[in-house]
Amino acid sequence: MVAKIDRDGCISCGLCPSTCPQVFRMADDGLAEVYVDEIPEDVEDMAVEAADGCPVSVIHIEEE
């Protein structure tokens, strides 16, 4: 699985890195970013939870 963020729509709420810090972090510009190429298997559920909880629905989880 891979995660993608439409950073143009990110509102910098910080929910995704607080839910799944193994995949998401806040970048130097204040917006969330994905910093892994592939979501580790043991945190896939947390990454999906972060995507589902995104208040502006800019996080997308895709199967490879």
C-alpha atoms as a PDB file:
ATOM      1  CA  MET A   1       0.000   0.000   0.000  1.00  0.00           C
ATOM      2  CA  VAL A   2       1.068   3.552  -0.668  1.00  0.00           C
ATOM      3  CA  ALA A   3      -0.190   6.843   0.715  1.00  0.00           C
ATOM      4  CA  LYS A   4      -0.528  10.082  -1.187  1.00  0.00           C
ATOM      5  CA  ILE A   5      -1.491  13.560  -0.007  1.00  0.00           C
ATOM      6  CA  ASP A   6      -2.904  16.336  -2.151  1.00  0.00           C
ATOM      7  CA  ARG A   7      -0.794  18.930  -0.366  1.00  0.00           C
ATOM      8  CA  ASP A   8      -2.602  21.806  -2.106  1.00  0.00           C
ATOM      9  CA  GLY A   9      -5.658  20.987  -0.028  1.00  0.00           C
ATOM     10  CA  CYS A  10      -3.859  20.273   3.268  1.00  0.00           C
ATOM     11  CA  ILE A  11      -4.953  22.558   6.124  1.00  0.00           C
ATOM     12  CA  SER A  12      -2.033  21.617   8.439  1.00  0.00           C
ATOM     13  CA  CYS A  13      -4.268  20.167  11.148  1.00  0.00           C
ATOM     14  CA  GLY A  14      -1.648  17.594  12.174  1.00  0.00           C
ATOM     15  CA  LEU A  15      -4.110  14.713  12.481  1.00  0.00           C
ATOM     16  CA  CYS A  16      -2.308  12.354  10.092  1.00  0.00           C
ATOM     17  CA  PRO A  17       1.124  12.433  11.785  1.00  0.00           C
ATOM     18  CA  SER A  18      -0.492  12.165  15.201  1.00  0.00           C
ATOM     19  CA  THR A  19      -2.471   9.111  14.003  1.00  0.00           C
ATOM     20  CA  CYS A  20       0.301   7.423  11.994  1.00  0.00           C
ATOM     21  CA  PRO A  21       3.746   8.974  12.525  1.00  0.00           C
ATOM     22  CA  GLN A  22       5.384   6.001  10.767  1.00  0.00           C
ATOM     23  CA  VAL A  23       3.997   7.284   7.432  1.00  0.00           C
ATOM     24  CA  PHE A  24       3.115  10.977   7.802  1.00  0.00           C
ATOM     25  CA  ARG A  25       4.924  14.018   9.169  1.00  0.00           C
ATOM     26  CA  MET A  26       4.653  17.767   9.018  1.00  0.00           C
ATOM     27  CA  ALA A  27       7.099  19.186   6.469  1.00  0.00           C
ATOM     28  CA  ASP A  28       9.162  22.344   6.889  1.00  0.00           C
ATOM     29  CA  ASP A  29       6.499  24.294   4.976  1.00  0.00           C
ATOM     30  CA  GLY A  30       3.888  23.366   7.606  1.00  0.00           C
ATOM     31  CA  LEU A  31       1.957  20.943   5.398  1.00  0.00           C
ATOM     32  CA  ALA A  32       1.648  17.206   5.922  1.00  0.00           C
ATOM     33  CA  GLU A  33       3.723  14.868   3.789  1.00  0.00           C
ATOM     34  CA  VAL A  34       4.218  11.152   3.227  1.00  0.00           C
ATOM     35  CA  TYR A  35       7.822  10.218   3.937  1.00  0.00           C
ATOM     36  CA  VAL A  36       7.855   6.479   3.189  1.00  0.00           C
ATOM     37  CA  ASP A  37       7.697   4.824  -0.216  1.00  0.00           C
ATOM     38  CA  GLU A  38       5.486   2.003   1.006  1.00  0.00           C
ATOM     39  CA  ILE A  39       3.302   1.815   4.097  1.00  0.00           C
ATOM     40  CA  PRO A  40       4.763  -0.771   6.504  1.00  0.00           C
ATOM     41  CA  GLU A  41       2.390  -3.703   6.832  1.00  0.00           C
ATOM     42  CA  ASP A  42       2.106  -3.371  10.612  1.00  0.00           C
ATOM     43  CA  VAL A  43       0.764   0.217  10.383  1.00  0.00           C
ATOM     44  CA  GLU A  44      -1.556  -0.090   7.369  1.00  0.00           C
ATOM     45  CA  ASP A  45      -4.648   0.161   9.597  1.00  0.00           C
ATOM     46  CA  MET A  46      -3.339   3.359  11.214  1.00  0.00           C
ATOM     47  CA  ALA A  47      -2.584   4.896   7.800  1.00  0.00           C
ATOM     48  CA  VAL A  48      -6.127   4.114   6.634  1.00  0.00           C
ATOM     49  CA  GLU A  49      -7.463   5.598   9.889  1.00  0.00           C
ATOM     50  CA  ALA A  50      -5.477   8.786   9.203  1.00  0.00           C
ATOM     51  CA  ALA A  51      -6.889   8.979   5.674  1.00  0.00           C
ATOM     52  CA  ASP A  52     -10.433   8.379   6.901  1.00  0.00           C
ATOM     53  CA  GLY A  53     -10.032  11.016   9.607  1.00  0.00           C
ATOM     54  CA  CYS A  54      -8.587  13.727   7.367  1.00  0.00           C
ATOM     55  CA  PRO A  55     -11.028  16.653   7.685  1.00  0.00           C
ATOM     56  CA  VAL A  56     -10.420  17.777   4.089  1.00  0.00           C
ATOM     57  CA  SER A  57     -10.096  14.270   2.542  1.00  0.00           C
ATOM     58  CA  VAL A  58      -6.737  14.898   0.852  1.00  0.00           C
ATOM     59  CA  ILE A  59      -5.095  11.608   1.914  1.00  0.00           C
ATOM     60  CA  HIS A  60      -5.457   8.641  -0.423  1.00  0.00           C
ATOM     61  CA  ILE A  61      -4.341   5.086   0.317  1.00  0.00           C
ATOM     62  CA  GLU A  62      -3.814   2.877  -2.718  1.00  0.00           C
ATOM     63  CA  GLU A  63      -2.875  -0.733  -3.314  1.00  0.00           C
ATOM     64  CA  GLU A  64       0.292  -1.138  -5.334  1.00  0.00           C
END
